[in-house]
Amino acid sequence: MGKFVKGKPFIRKVLLRYTSVEFPDFDIHLRTLKNKQQFSDDDKESEKLGINSTLWPIFGVVWDSGKVMADLMCTEEIEGKRILEVGCGIGLSSLVLNQRLANITATDYHPEAKVFLEENVELNNKVKIKFHLQDWASTDSTLGKFDLIIGSDLLYQDDHVLLLSSFINRHADTKAEVIMASPKRGYQNKFTTEMLKYGFSLEVFLPDDQEDLEARLRCHIHRYKR
C-alpha cells in the first residue's frame, strides 16, 4: 500500500483502520492499525530498537486506558502549562490536547509513532505536535522540563519502574503533576514507591462517566503531585 507521508514512504504490508472518537466538544479522527496482528519491519529499524513482532503493533491501536486518559484531557486545566505525553502510541490524548491548543509534546520509542501522529494531525486541526523519539534510559536534557506529564498503560515489566520514574523525575518541573491511566498491573505500587522518593504525593481515583464499564473497572487514574 506504500503511501508517502512527508517525504517518508509509509510502512507497507499493514492493514489500516479509519475511525472517529467522539468527545463532548469535538471528534478526533484517527488512522490506526486495523488490529494487533499487524507487523512491518522490512528495514529492521524496530528490531534494532528491541521491538519484536509481538510488541510492534502495540503503539498503533487505541487502548481502553488511552481512551480514559483522552477523556480526562478534555477537561484538564492546561492554561500556561507545558505538557508531555510519555509513550504516546497512537497519540489520542495528545490530539485531544492539541485540539484544545495546549502546549503538548509527545514521545514514544516506536519508530512509526511519529508518522502516524503527523498523519492524524492532518486529519484533525493540522496544528503541529512536537514529537521526540525517546528512550526512557536516555539522559538527553534537550527535551526540557514540564508542568504536566501524562501516560497510559506504561508499566509492562519490572525494569520499567525505575526507568520511567527516573525519566519522569528528570523532565518534571519543581512543581509538577503526573497523571497515569493504569490497568490493574503488578508494577504500579512499585512505581508509586519510586515517585514518593522523588517528592511526589499520590491520589488514586476511578474515571468518571465511562460508557465502557469494563474499562472503568479495569483502569485507575493515578495523579502524582509535588
N, C-alpha and C. Protein backbone atom coordinates (compact mmCIF):
# COMPACT_ATOMS: atom_id res chain seq x y z
N MET A 1 0.81 -1.20 0.00
CA MET A 1 0.00 0.00 0.00
C MET A 1 0.84 1.25 0.00
N GLY A 2 2.08 1.28 0.41
CA GLY A 2 3.13 2.25 0.14
C GLY A 2 2.77 3.70 -0.05
N LYS A 3 2.02 4.31 0.84
CA LYS A 3 1.69 5.72 0.72
C LYS A 3 2.82 6.57 1.27
N PHE A 4 3.14 7.70 0.59
CA PHE A 4 4.21 8.56 1.06
C PHE A 4 3.66 9.62 2.00
N VAL A 5 4.31 9.79 3.15
CA VAL A 5 3.91 10.77 4.14
C VAL A 5 5.09 11.67 4.45
N LYS A 6 4.99 12.95 4.08
CA LYS A 6 6.02 13.94 4.40
C LYS A 6 7.42 13.44 4.04
N GLY A 7 7.57 12.91 2.85
CA GLY A 7 8.88 12.52 2.36
C GLY A 7 9.32 11.13 2.79
N LYS A 8 8.56 10.48 3.65
CA LYS A 8 8.93 9.14 4.11
C LYS A 8 7.94 8.12 3.57
N PRO A 9 8.42 7.04 2.92
CA PRO A 9 7.48 6.02 2.44
C PRO A 9 6.79 5.35 3.63
N PHE A 10 5.46 5.34 3.59
CA PHE A 10 4.71 4.76 4.69
C PHE A 10 4.93 3.25 4.73
N ILE A 11 4.88 2.69 5.94
CA ILE A 11 5.11 1.27 6.12
C ILE A 11 4.15 0.44 5.26
N ARG A 12 4.65 -0.63 4.71
CA ARG A 12 3.87 -1.50 3.84
C ARG A 12 3.42 -2.74 4.61
N LYS A 13 2.57 -3.49 3.98
CA LYS A 13 2.15 -4.80 4.49
C LYS A 13 1.32 -4.70 5.77
N VAL A 14 0.69 -3.58 6.03
CA VAL A 14 -0.20 -3.50 7.18
C VAL A 14 -1.58 -3.03 6.73
N LEU A 15 -2.60 -3.47 7.46
CA LEU A 15 -3.97 -3.03 7.22
C LEU A 15 -4.30 -1.91 8.19
N LEU A 16 -5.03 -0.90 7.70
CA LEU A 16 -5.32 0.29 8.48
C LEU A 16 -6.81 0.41 8.77
N ARG A 17 -7.12 1.18 9.80
CA ARG A 17 -8.49 1.48 10.15
C ARG A 17 -8.64 3.00 10.28
N TYR A 18 -9.69 3.54 9.68
CA TYR A 18 -10.02 4.96 9.86
C TYR A 18 -11.27 5.05 10.71
N THR A 19 -11.19 5.83 11.79
CA THR A 19 -12.31 5.91 12.72
C THR A 19 -12.34 7.28 13.36
N SER A 20 -13.42 7.57 14.06
CA SER A 20 -13.53 8.82 14.81
C SER A 20 -13.90 8.48 16.25
N VAL A 21 -13.29 9.21 17.18
CA VAL A 21 -13.59 9.06 18.60
C VAL A 21 -14.34 10.32 19.04
N GLU A 22 -15.52 10.14 19.60
CA GLU A 22 -16.37 11.26 19.96
C GLU A 22 -16.07 11.75 21.38
N PHE A 23 -15.94 13.08 21.52
CA PHE A 23 -15.79 13.73 22.80
C PHE A 23 -16.89 14.79 22.91
N PRO A 24 -17.13 15.36 24.10
CA PRO A 24 -18.26 16.29 24.25
C PRO A 24 -18.24 17.48 23.30
N ASP A 25 -17.05 18.03 23.02
CA ASP A 25 -16.98 19.27 22.24
C ASP A 25 -16.41 19.10 20.83
N PHE A 26 -15.90 17.93 20.52
CA PHE A 26 -15.31 17.70 19.20
C PHE A 26 -15.10 16.20 19.00
N ASP A 27 -14.81 15.83 17.77
CA ASP A 27 -14.42 14.46 17.44
C ASP A 27 -12.95 14.45 17.05
N ILE A 28 -12.27 13.37 17.34
CA ILE A 28 -10.90 13.16 16.89
C ILE A 28 -10.91 12.06 15.84
N HIS A 29 -10.39 12.36 14.66
CA HIS A 29 -10.33 11.40 13.56
C HIS A 29 -8.97 10.71 13.58
N LEU A 30 -8.99 9.40 13.44
CA LEU A 30 -7.78 8.61 13.61
C LEU A 30 -7.54 7.65 12.46
N ARG A 31 -6.28 7.54 12.09
CA ARG A 31 -5.82 6.40 11.29
C ARG A 31 -4.99 5.53 12.21
N THR A 32 -5.40 4.30 12.39
CA THR A 32 -4.71 3.37 13.27
C THR A 32 -4.40 2.09 12.49
N LEU A 33 -3.68 1.18 13.13
CA LEU A 33 -3.59 -0.17 12.60
C LEU A 33 -4.95 -0.84 12.73
N LYS A 34 -5.27 -1.72 11.82
CA LYS A 34 -6.59 -2.37 11.84
C LYS A 34 -6.78 -3.20 13.10
N ASN A 35 -5.71 -3.88 13.54
CA ASN A 35 -5.79 -4.72 14.73
C ASN A 35 -4.38 -4.98 15.25
N LYS A 36 -4.29 -5.79 16.30
CA LYS A 36 -2.99 -6.04 16.95
C LYS A 36 -2.20 -7.16 16.28
N GLN A 37 -2.62 -7.59 15.09
CA GLN A 37 -1.88 -8.62 14.36
C GLN A 37 -0.99 -8.02 13.25
N GLN A 38 -0.98 -6.72 13.11
CA GLN A 38 -0.22 -6.09 12.03
C GLN A 38 1.27 -6.02 12.37
N PHE A 39 2.11 -6.10 11.33
CA PHE A 39 3.56 -6.03 11.53
C PHE A 39 4.25 -5.69 10.22
N SER A 40 5.23 -4.79 10.28
CA SER A 40 6.03 -4.45 9.11
C SER A 40 7.35 -3.85 9.58
N ASP A 41 8.45 -4.51 9.24
CA ASP A 41 9.76 -4.01 9.66
C ASP A 41 10.82 -4.43 8.66
N ASP A 42 10.59 -4.12 7.37
CA ASP A 42 11.49 -4.56 6.31
C ASP A 42 12.90 -4.00 6.47
N ASP A 43 13.02 -2.78 7.01
CA ASP A 43 14.34 -2.18 7.16
C ASP A 43 14.99 -2.51 8.50
N LYS A 44 14.32 -3.35 9.33
CA LYS A 44 14.83 -3.82 10.62
C LYS A 44 15.02 -2.68 11.62
N GLU A 45 14.37 -1.55 11.39
CA GLU A 45 14.52 -0.41 12.29
C GLU A 45 13.98 -0.74 13.68
N SER A 46 12.81 -1.37 13.72
CA SER A 46 12.22 -1.73 15.01
C SER A 46 13.03 -2.81 15.71
N GLU A 47 13.49 -3.78 14.94
CA GLU A 47 14.29 -4.86 15.50
C GLU A 47 15.54 -4.33 16.19
N LYS A 48 16.17 -3.34 15.58
CA LYS A 48 17.37 -2.73 16.17
C LYS A 48 17.07 -2.06 17.51
N LEU A 49 15.83 -1.62 17.69
CA LEU A 49 15.43 -0.98 18.94
C LEU A 49 14.89 -1.99 19.95
N GLY A 50 14.89 -3.27 19.60
CA GLY A 50 14.42 -4.30 20.51
C GLY A 50 12.92 -4.52 20.48
N ILE A 51 12.26 -4.03 19.42
CA ILE A 51 10.80 -4.17 19.30
C ILE A 51 10.51 -5.36 18.39
N ASN A 52 10.03 -6.47 18.95
CA ASN A 52 9.78 -7.67 18.15
C ASN A 52 8.38 -7.61 17.52
N SER A 53 8.04 -8.64 16.78
CA SER A 53 6.77 -8.65 16.04
C SER A 53 5.57 -8.64 16.96
N THR A 54 5.70 -9.20 18.17
CA THR A 54 4.59 -9.19 19.12
C THR A 54 4.35 -7.80 19.68
N LEU A 55 5.42 -7.08 19.99
CA LEU A 55 5.31 -5.74 20.56
C LEU A 55 5.04 -4.67 19.50
N TRP A 56 5.40 -4.95 18.25
CA TRP A 56 5.37 -3.93 17.21
C TRP A 56 4.01 -3.23 17.08
N PRO A 57 2.87 -3.92 17.05
CA PRO A 57 1.60 -3.23 16.80
C PRO A 57 1.01 -2.51 18.01
N ILE A 58 1.60 -2.62 19.19
CA ILE A 58 1.01 -2.07 20.40
C ILE A 58 0.80 -0.56 20.29
N PHE A 59 1.73 0.12 19.63
CA PHE A 59 1.63 1.58 19.53
C PHE A 59 0.44 2.02 18.69
N GLY A 60 -0.02 1.18 17.76
CA GLY A 60 -0.86 1.64 16.66
C GLY A 60 -2.35 1.43 16.80
N VAL A 61 -2.83 1.09 18.01
CA VAL A 61 -4.26 0.92 18.24
C VAL A 61 -4.65 1.75 19.46
N VAL A 62 -5.96 1.96 19.63
CA VAL A 62 -6.46 2.70 20.79
C VAL A 62 -6.78 1.70 21.90
N TRP A 63 -6.17 1.89 23.07
CA TRP A 63 -6.40 1.03 24.23
C TRP A 63 -7.40 1.69 25.18
N ASP A 64 -8.04 0.88 26.02
CA ASP A 64 -9.02 1.40 26.97
C ASP A 64 -8.41 2.51 27.83
N SER A 65 -7.20 2.29 28.34
CA SER A 65 -6.57 3.28 29.21
C SER A 65 -6.28 4.57 28.45
N GLY A 66 -5.95 4.46 27.16
CA GLY A 66 -5.71 5.64 26.35
C GLY A 66 -6.97 6.45 26.15
N LYS A 67 -8.10 5.78 26.00
CA LYS A 67 -9.38 6.48 25.87
C LYS A 67 -9.75 7.16 27.19
N VAL A 68 -9.51 6.49 28.31
CA VAL A 68 -9.78 7.08 29.62
C VAL A 68 -8.96 8.35 29.80
N MET A 69 -7.67 8.29 29.45
CA MET A 69 -6.81 9.47 29.57
C MET A 69 -7.28 10.59 28.65
N ALA A 70 -7.64 10.26 27.43
CA ALA A 70 -8.11 11.27 26.49
C ALA A 70 -9.37 11.96 27.00
N ASP A 71 -10.28 11.19 27.59
CA ASP A 71 -11.48 11.78 28.20
C ASP A 71 -11.09 12.77 29.29
N LEU A 72 -10.12 12.39 30.11
CA LEU A 72 -9.68 13.25 31.20
C LEU A 72 -9.06 14.54 30.66
N MET A 73 -8.34 14.44 29.55
CA MET A 73 -7.66 15.61 28.99
C MET A 73 -8.63 16.60 28.34
N CYS A 74 -9.88 16.20 28.19
CA CYS A 74 -10.88 17.14 27.67
C CYS A 74 -11.18 18.26 28.66
N THR A 75 -10.97 17.99 29.94
CA THR A 75 -11.32 18.97 30.97
C THR A 75 -10.15 19.37 31.85
N GLU A 76 -8.99 18.76 31.67
CA GLU A 76 -7.83 19.08 32.49
C GLU A 76 -7.42 20.54 32.29
N GLU A 77 -7.01 21.21 33.38
CA GLU A 77 -6.53 22.59 33.30
C GLU A 77 -5.20 22.62 32.52
N ILE A 78 -5.16 23.39 31.44
CA ILE A 78 -3.97 23.41 30.58
C ILE A 78 -3.34 24.79 30.45
N GLU A 79 -4.02 25.82 30.93
CA GLU A 79 -3.56 27.19 30.73
C GLU A 79 -2.15 27.39 31.31
N GLY A 80 -1.22 27.81 30.44
CA GLY A 80 0.14 28.12 30.86
C GLY A 80 1.01 26.92 31.16
N LYS A 81 0.53 25.71 30.88
CA LYS A 81 1.28 24.50 31.21
C LYS A 81 2.01 23.94 30.00
N ARG A 82 3.22 23.50 30.23
CA ARG A 82 3.95 22.73 29.22
C ARG A 82 3.69 21.25 29.53
N ILE A 83 3.14 20.53 28.55
CA ILE A 83 2.62 19.18 28.80
C ILE A 83 3.38 18.16 27.96
N LEU A 84 3.69 17.02 28.57
CA LEU A 84 4.40 15.93 27.91
C LEU A 84 3.57 14.66 27.98
N GLU A 85 3.34 14.01 26.83
CA GLU A 85 2.77 12.66 26.85
C GLU A 85 3.88 11.65 26.64
N VAL A 86 4.03 10.75 27.60
CA VAL A 86 5.08 9.72 27.56
C VAL A 86 4.48 8.45 26.98
N GLY A 87 5.21 7.82 26.04
CA GLY A 87 4.70 6.59 25.43
C GLY A 87 3.38 6.84 24.75
N CYS A 88 3.33 7.83 23.86
CA CYS A 88 2.06 8.31 23.32
C CYS A 88 1.34 7.29 22.44
N GLY A 89 2.08 6.35 21.84
CA GLY A 89 1.43 5.38 20.95
C GLY A 89 0.76 6.09 19.79
N ILE A 90 -0.52 5.84 19.61
CA ILE A 90 -1.26 6.47 18.51
C ILE A 90 -1.53 7.95 18.81
N GLY A 91 -1.35 8.37 20.07
CA GLY A 91 -1.37 9.79 20.40
C GLY A 91 -2.75 10.40 20.59
N LEU A 92 -3.74 9.62 21.02
CA LEU A 92 -5.09 10.15 21.15
C LEU A 92 -5.15 11.31 22.15
N SER A 93 -4.51 11.16 23.31
CA SER A 93 -4.54 12.23 24.31
C SER A 93 -3.82 13.48 23.81
N SER A 94 -2.72 13.29 23.10
CA SER A 94 -2.01 14.44 22.53
C SER A 94 -2.88 15.15 21.50
N LEU A 95 -3.63 14.40 20.72
CA LEU A 95 -4.51 15.00 19.73
C LEU A 95 -5.66 15.77 20.38
N VAL A 96 -6.18 15.24 21.49
CA VAL A 96 -7.21 15.95 22.24
C VAL A 96 -6.65 17.27 22.78
N LEU A 97 -5.49 17.22 23.40
CA LEU A 97 -4.87 18.43 23.93
C LEU A 97 -4.53 19.41 22.82
N ASN A 98 -4.09 18.89 21.70
CA ASN A 98 -3.78 19.74 20.56
C ASN A 98 -5.04 20.44 20.03
N GLN A 99 -6.15 19.72 20.05
CA GLN A 99 -7.42 20.31 19.63
C GLN A 99 -7.80 21.48 20.54
N ARG A 100 -7.38 21.39 21.79
CA ARG A 100 -7.63 22.47 22.76
C ARG A 100 -6.52 23.52 22.75
N LEU A 101 -5.58 23.38 21.80
CA LEU A 101 -4.47 24.33 21.61
C LEU A 101 -3.54 24.37 22.82
N ALA A 102 -3.37 23.23 23.47
CA ALA A 102 -2.42 23.12 24.58
C ALA A 102 -0.99 23.07 24.05
N ASN A 103 -0.04 23.36 24.92
CA ASN A 103 1.38 23.24 24.60
C ASN A 103 1.79 21.80 24.88
N ILE A 104 1.64 20.93 23.89
CA ILE A 104 1.83 19.49 24.08
C ILE A 104 3.02 18.98 23.27
N THR A 105 3.82 18.15 23.93
CA THR A 105 4.91 17.42 23.29
C THR A 105 4.65 15.93 23.48
N ALA A 106 4.80 15.14 22.44
CA ALA A 106 4.56 13.70 22.51
C ALA A 106 5.88 12.95 22.35
N THR A 107 6.02 11.85 23.07
CA THR A 107 7.20 11.00 22.93
C THR A 107 6.77 9.54 22.81
N ASP A 108 7.57 8.77 22.12
CA ASP A 108 7.39 7.33 22.06
C ASP A 108 8.70 6.72 21.58
N TYR A 109 8.86 5.42 21.84
CA TYR A 109 10.07 4.70 21.42
C TYR A 109 9.89 4.03 20.07
N HIS A 110 8.65 3.93 19.61
CA HIS A 110 8.37 3.21 18.36
C HIS A 110 8.69 4.10 17.16
N PRO A 111 9.44 3.60 16.19
CA PRO A 111 9.87 4.44 15.06
C PRO A 111 8.74 4.89 14.15
N GLU A 112 7.56 4.26 14.20
CA GLU A 112 6.45 4.67 13.34
C GLU A 112 5.45 5.58 14.04
N ALA A 113 5.63 5.81 15.34
CA ALA A 113 4.68 6.64 16.08
C ALA A 113 4.60 8.05 15.50
N LYS A 114 5.73 8.61 15.14
CA LYS A 114 5.74 9.97 14.59
C LYS A 114 4.98 10.04 13.27
N VAL A 115 5.13 9.03 12.42
CA VAL A 115 4.46 9.00 11.12
C VAL A 115 2.95 9.01 11.30
N PHE A 116 2.47 8.17 12.20
CA PHE A 116 1.03 8.12 12.46
C PHE A 116 0.54 9.41 13.09
N LEU A 117 1.32 9.97 14.01
CA LEU A 117 0.90 11.20 14.68
C LEU A 117 0.78 12.35 13.67
N GLU A 118 1.75 12.47 12.79
CA GLU A 118 1.70 13.54 11.79
C GLU A 118 0.50 13.38 10.87
N GLU A 119 0.20 12.15 10.49
CA GLU A 119 -0.95 11.92 9.62
C GLU A 119 -2.26 12.23 10.35
N ASN A 120 -2.32 11.87 11.63
CA ASN A 120 -3.54 12.13 12.38
C ASN A 120 -3.73 13.61 12.69
N VAL A 121 -2.64 14.35 12.82
CA VAL A 121 -2.73 15.81 12.92
C VAL A 121 -3.38 16.38 11.66
N GLU A 122 -3.00 15.84 10.51
CA GLU A 122 -3.58 16.31 9.24
C GLU A 122 -5.07 15.98 9.15
N LEU A 123 -5.49 14.90 9.80
CA LEU A 123 -6.90 14.53 9.78
C LEU A 123 -7.74 15.39 10.73
N ASN A 124 -7.07 16.17 11.59
CA ASN A 124 -7.78 16.96 12.58
C ASN A 124 -7.51 18.45 12.36
N ASN A 125 -6.87 19.14 13.29
CA ASN A 125 -6.77 20.60 13.15
C ASN A 125 -5.51 21.08 12.45
N LYS A 126 -4.62 20.16 12.07
CA LYS A 126 -3.41 20.48 11.30
C LYS A 126 -2.41 21.34 12.07
N VAL A 127 -2.58 21.48 13.39
CA VAL A 127 -1.61 22.20 14.22
C VAL A 127 -0.53 21.22 14.65
N LYS A 128 0.70 21.47 14.30
CA LYS A 128 1.79 20.52 14.52
C LYS A 128 1.97 20.19 16.00
N ILE A 129 2.20 18.92 16.29
CA ILE A 129 2.54 18.46 17.64
C ILE A 129 4.03 18.14 17.67
N LYS A 130 4.74 18.71 18.63
CA LYS A 130 6.16 18.39 18.78
C LYS A 130 6.30 16.93 19.18
N PHE A 131 7.24 16.22 18.54
CA PHE A 131 7.43 14.80 18.82
C PHE A 131 8.91 14.50 19.01
N HIS A 132 9.21 13.64 20.01
CA HIS A 132 10.57 13.16 20.23
C HIS A 132 10.56 11.64 20.27
N LEU A 133 11.40 11.01 19.46
CA LEU A 133 11.63 9.57 19.59
C LEU A 133 12.50 9.38 20.82
N GLN A 134 11.94 8.79 21.88
CA GLN A 134 12.58 8.88 23.19
C GLN A 134 12.72 7.55 23.88
N ASP A 135 13.94 7.24 24.30
CA ASP A 135 14.25 6.10 25.15
C ASP A 135 14.24 6.59 26.60
N TRP A 136 13.50 5.91 27.49
CA TRP A 136 13.44 6.35 28.89
C TRP A 136 14.81 6.32 29.56
N ALA A 137 15.73 5.52 29.04
CA ALA A 137 17.06 5.46 29.64
C ALA A 137 17.94 6.63 29.21
N SER A 138 17.50 7.38 28.22
CA SER A 138 18.31 8.49 27.71
C SER A 138 18.39 9.61 28.74
N THR A 139 19.59 10.17 28.90
CA THR A 139 19.79 11.31 29.80
C THR A 139 19.88 12.62 29.02
N ASP A 140 19.47 12.60 27.77
CA ASP A 140 19.45 13.81 26.95
C ASP A 140 18.54 14.85 27.59
N SER A 141 19.08 16.03 27.85
CA SER A 141 18.33 17.07 28.56
C SER A 141 17.61 18.03 27.62
N THR A 142 17.72 17.84 26.31
CA THR A 142 17.13 18.80 25.37
C THR A 142 15.60 18.75 25.38
N LEU A 143 15.02 17.68 25.88
CA LEU A 143 13.57 17.59 25.95
C LEU A 143 13.00 18.64 26.90
N GLY A 144 13.73 18.94 27.95
CA GLY A 144 13.34 20.01 28.87
C GLY A 144 12.46 19.55 30.01
N LYS A 145 11.87 20.53 30.71
CA LYS A 145 11.03 20.29 31.89
C LYS A 145 9.57 20.58 31.56
N PHE A 146 8.67 19.91 32.30
CA PHE A 146 7.24 20.03 32.02
C PHE A 146 6.45 20.23 33.31
N ASP A 147 5.33 20.91 33.17
CA ASP A 147 4.42 21.14 34.30
C ASP A 147 3.47 19.97 34.51
N LEU A 148 3.14 19.28 33.41
CA LEU A 148 2.22 18.15 33.46
C LEU A 148 2.74 17.05 32.55
N ILE A 149 2.85 15.84 33.10
CA ILE A 149 3.30 14.68 32.33
C ILE A 149 2.20 13.63 32.41
N ILE A 150 1.80 13.08 31.27
CA ILE A 150 0.73 12.08 31.23
C ILE A 150 1.20 10.82 30.53
N GLY A 151 0.55 9.71 30.86
CA GLY A 151 0.87 8.45 30.19
C GLY A 151 -0.18 7.40 30.49
N SER A 152 -0.37 6.47 29.56
CA SER A 152 -1.42 5.45 29.69
C SER A 152 -0.83 4.05 29.53
N ASP A 153 -1.05 3.21 30.54
CA ASP A 153 -0.68 1.78 30.48
C ASP A 153 0.78 1.61 30.07
N LEU A 154 1.69 2.15 30.88
CA LEU A 154 3.10 2.18 30.51
C LEU A 154 3.95 1.11 31.19
N LEU A 155 3.48 0.52 32.27
CA LEU A 155 4.32 -0.36 33.09
C LEU A 155 4.07 -1.82 32.73
N TYR A 156 4.78 -2.30 31.71
CA TYR A 156 4.59 -3.67 31.25
C TYR A 156 5.51 -4.67 31.93
N GLN A 157 6.64 -4.22 32.42
CA GLN A 157 7.60 -5.14 33.02
C GLN A 157 8.36 -4.45 34.14
N ASP A 158 9.03 -5.24 34.96
CA ASP A 158 9.61 -4.75 36.20
C ASP A 158 10.65 -3.64 35.97
N ASP A 159 11.47 -3.76 34.95
CA ASP A 159 12.52 -2.76 34.75
C ASP A 159 11.95 -1.41 34.31
N HIS A 160 10.67 -1.37 33.88
CA HIS A 160 10.05 -0.10 33.52
C HIS A 160 9.89 0.81 34.73
N VAL A 161 9.80 0.24 35.92
CA VAL A 161 9.53 1.03 37.12
C VAL A 161 10.62 2.07 37.34
N LEU A 162 11.87 1.63 37.39
CA LEU A 162 12.98 2.56 37.62
C LEU A 162 13.24 3.44 36.41
N LEU A 163 13.14 2.87 35.21
CA LEU A 163 13.38 3.65 34.00
C LEU A 163 12.39 4.80 33.87
N LEU A 164 11.09 4.49 34.04
CA LEU A 164 10.07 5.50 33.83
C LEU A 164 10.07 6.54 34.95
N SER A 165 10.18 6.10 36.20
CA SER A 165 10.16 7.05 37.31
C SER A 165 11.33 8.02 37.24
N SER A 166 12.52 7.53 36.90
CA SER A 166 13.67 8.42 36.80
C SER A 166 13.56 9.34 35.59
N PHE A 167 13.00 8.84 34.49
CA PHE A 167 12.78 9.66 33.31
C PHE A 167 11.81 10.80 33.63
N ILE A 168 10.72 10.46 34.30
CA ILE A 168 9.74 11.48 34.67
C ILE A 168 10.35 12.51 35.62
N ASN A 169 11.12 12.04 36.59
CA ASN A 169 11.75 12.97 37.53
C ASN A 169 12.68 13.95 36.82
N ARG A 170 13.40 13.45 35.81
CA ARG A 170 14.31 14.33 35.06
C ARG A 170 13.56 15.41 34.30
N HIS A 171 12.33 15.11 33.88
CA HIS A 171 11.62 16.04 33.00
C HIS A 171 10.41 16.71 33.66
N ALA A 172 10.20 16.44 34.94
CA ALA A 172 9.15 17.13 35.69
C ALA A 172 9.73 18.38 36.34
N ASP A 173 9.03 19.50 36.24
CA ASP A 173 9.48 20.72 36.86
C ASP A 173 9.42 20.59 38.38
N THR A 174 9.96 21.58 39.08
CA THR A 174 9.99 21.54 40.55
C THR A 174 8.59 21.34 41.11
N LYS A 175 7.63 22.10 40.59
CA LYS A 175 6.23 21.87 40.90
C LYS A 175 5.58 21.29 39.65
N ALA A 176 5.12 20.07 39.74
CA ALA A 176 4.59 19.39 38.55
C ALA A 176 3.56 18.35 38.96
N GLU A 177 2.77 17.94 37.98
CA GLU A 177 1.81 16.85 38.16
C GLU A 177 2.09 15.76 37.13
N VAL A 178 1.85 14.54 37.54
CA VAL A 178 1.97 13.38 36.65
C VAL A 178 0.66 12.61 36.74
N ILE A 179 0.04 12.36 35.60
CA ILE A 179 -1.23 11.61 35.58
C ILE A 179 -1.03 10.35 34.75
N MET A 180 -1.35 9.21 35.35
CA MET A 180 -1.23 7.93 34.66
C MET A 180 -2.57 7.21 34.70
N ALA A 181 -3.00 6.72 33.55
CA ALA A 181 -4.17 5.85 33.47
C ALA A 181 -3.65 4.42 33.38
N SER A 182 -3.92 3.63 34.40
CA SER A 182 -3.25 2.34 34.52
C SER A 182 -4.23 1.21 34.81
N PRO A 183 -4.18 0.14 34.01
CA PRO A 183 -4.92 -1.07 34.37
C PRO A 183 -4.33 -1.68 35.63
N LYS A 184 -4.99 -2.70 36.15
CA LYS A 184 -4.52 -3.33 37.38
C LYS A 184 -3.34 -4.25 37.08
N ARG A 185 -2.16 -3.66 37.02
CA ARG A 185 -0.94 -4.43 36.81
C ARG A 185 -0.13 -4.46 38.12
N GLY A 186 0.82 -5.35 38.20
CA GLY A 186 1.56 -5.53 39.45
C GLY A 186 2.66 -4.53 39.70
N TYR A 187 2.94 -3.64 38.75
CA TYR A 187 4.09 -2.77 38.90
C TYR A 187 3.74 -1.35 39.36
N GLN A 188 2.46 -1.01 39.43
CA GLN A 188 2.08 0.36 39.77
C GLN A 188 2.50 0.73 41.20
N ASN A 189 2.36 -0.19 42.15
CA ASN A 189 2.75 0.10 43.53
C ASN A 189 4.25 0.35 43.65
N LYS A 190 5.05 -0.43 42.93
CA LYS A 190 6.50 -0.21 42.94
C LYS A 190 6.83 1.14 42.33
N PHE A 191 6.11 1.50 41.26
CA PHE A 191 6.32 2.80 40.63
C PHE A 191 5.98 3.92 41.61
N THR A 192 4.89 3.78 42.33
CA THR A 192 4.50 4.78 43.31
C THR A 192 5.56 4.95 44.38
N THR A 193 6.14 3.86 44.83
CA THR A 193 7.21 3.93 45.83
C THR A 193 8.36 4.80 45.33
N GLU A 194 8.73 4.63 44.06
CA GLU A 194 9.82 5.43 43.49
C GLU A 194 9.40 6.90 43.36
N MET A 195 8.16 7.15 42.97
CA MET A 195 7.69 8.53 42.81
C MET A 195 7.65 9.25 44.16
N LEU A 196 7.30 8.55 45.24
CA LEU A 196 7.32 9.15 46.57
C LEU A 196 8.73 9.57 46.96
N LYS A 197 9.72 8.79 46.53
CA LYS A 197 11.12 9.14 46.81
C LYS A 197 11.51 10.45 46.13
N TYR A 198 10.87 10.74 45.01
CA TYR A 198 11.17 11.98 44.27
C TYR A 198 10.31 13.15 44.76
N GLY A 199 9.59 12.96 45.84
CA GLY A 199 8.85 14.06 46.44
C GLY A 199 7.43 14.22 45.96
N PHE A 200 6.88 13.23 45.29
CA PHE A 200 5.50 13.30 44.82
C PHE A 200 4.55 12.72 45.85
N SER A 201 3.35 13.26 45.92
CA SER A 201 2.24 12.65 46.66
C SER A 201 1.32 11.98 45.65
N LEU A 202 0.37 11.19 46.13
CA LEU A 202 -0.46 10.40 45.22
C LEU A 202 -1.93 10.48 45.60
N GLU A 203 -2.76 10.62 44.57
CA GLU A 203 -4.21 10.47 44.69
C GLU A 203 -4.65 9.47 43.62
N VAL A 204 -5.46 8.49 44.01
CA VAL A 204 -5.95 7.47 43.08
C VAL A 204 -7.46 7.54 43.01
N PHE A 205 -8.00 7.50 41.80
CA PHE A 205 -9.45 7.51 41.65
C PHE A 205 -9.85 6.78 40.37
N LEU A 206 -11.13 6.42 40.31
CA LEU A 206 -11.69 5.80 39.11
C LEU A 206 -12.13 6.88 38.14
N PRO A 207 -12.03 6.62 36.85
CA PRO A 207 -12.52 7.59 35.87
C PRO A 207 -14.03 7.76 35.98
N ASP A 208 -14.51 8.97 35.73
CA ASP A 208 -15.94 9.27 35.83
C ASP A 208 -16.64 9.07 34.51
N ASP A 209 -17.91 8.67 34.61
CA ASP A 209 -18.83 8.69 33.47
C ASP A 209 -18.30 7.95 32.25
N GLN A 210 -17.72 6.77 32.49
CA GLN A 210 -17.22 5.98 31.37
C GLN A 210 -18.35 5.12 30.81
N GLU A 211 -18.58 5.21 29.51
CA GLU A 211 -19.60 4.37 28.89
C GLU A 211 -19.18 2.91 28.89
N ASP A 212 -17.86 2.69 28.77
CA ASP A 212 -17.34 1.32 28.73
C ASP A 212 -17.09 0.86 30.17
N LEU A 213 -18.04 0.11 30.74
CA LEU A 213 -17.95 -0.29 32.13
C LEU A 213 -16.72 -1.15 32.38
N GLU A 214 -16.38 -2.00 31.45
CA GLU A 214 -15.22 -2.86 31.62
C GLU A 214 -13.95 -2.03 31.77
N ALA A 215 -13.79 -1.01 30.92
CA ALA A 215 -12.62 -0.14 31.01
C ALA A 215 -12.61 0.60 32.33
N ARG A 216 -13.76 1.05 32.78
CA ARG A 216 -13.86 1.79 34.04
C ARG A 216 -13.36 0.93 35.21
N LEU A 217 -13.76 -0.33 35.24
CA LEU A 217 -13.41 -1.20 36.34
C LEU A 217 -11.94 -1.60 36.29
N ARG A 218 -11.38 -1.69 35.13
CA ARG A 218 -10.00 -2.14 34.99
C ARG A 218 -8.98 -1.03 35.12
N CYS A 219 -9.38 0.22 34.86
CA CYS A 219 -8.43 1.30 34.76
C CYS A 219 -8.60 2.28 35.92
N HIS A 220 -7.47 2.64 36.55
CA HIS A 220 -7.47 3.64 37.61
C HIS A 220 -6.62 4.83 37.17
N ILE A 221 -6.97 6.00 37.69
CA ILE A 221 -6.18 7.20 37.45
C ILE A 221 -5.28 7.43 38.65
N HIS A 222 -3.99 7.54 38.42
CA HIS A 222 -3.01 7.87 39.45
C HIS A 222 -2.51 9.29 39.17
N ARG A 223 -2.79 10.20 40.11
CA ARG A 223 -2.36 11.59 39.95
C ARG A 223 -1.29 11.88 41.01
N TYR A 224 -0.07 12.11 40.54
CA TYR A 224 1.06 12.43 41.40
C TYR A 224 1.31 13.93 41.37
N LYS A 225 1.56 14.53 42.55
CA LYS A 225 1.84 15.97 42.63
C LYS A 225 3.05 16.23 43.51
N ARG A 226 3.80 17.27 43.15
CA ARG A 226 4.81 17.77 44.07
C ARG A 226 4.96 19.28 43.92
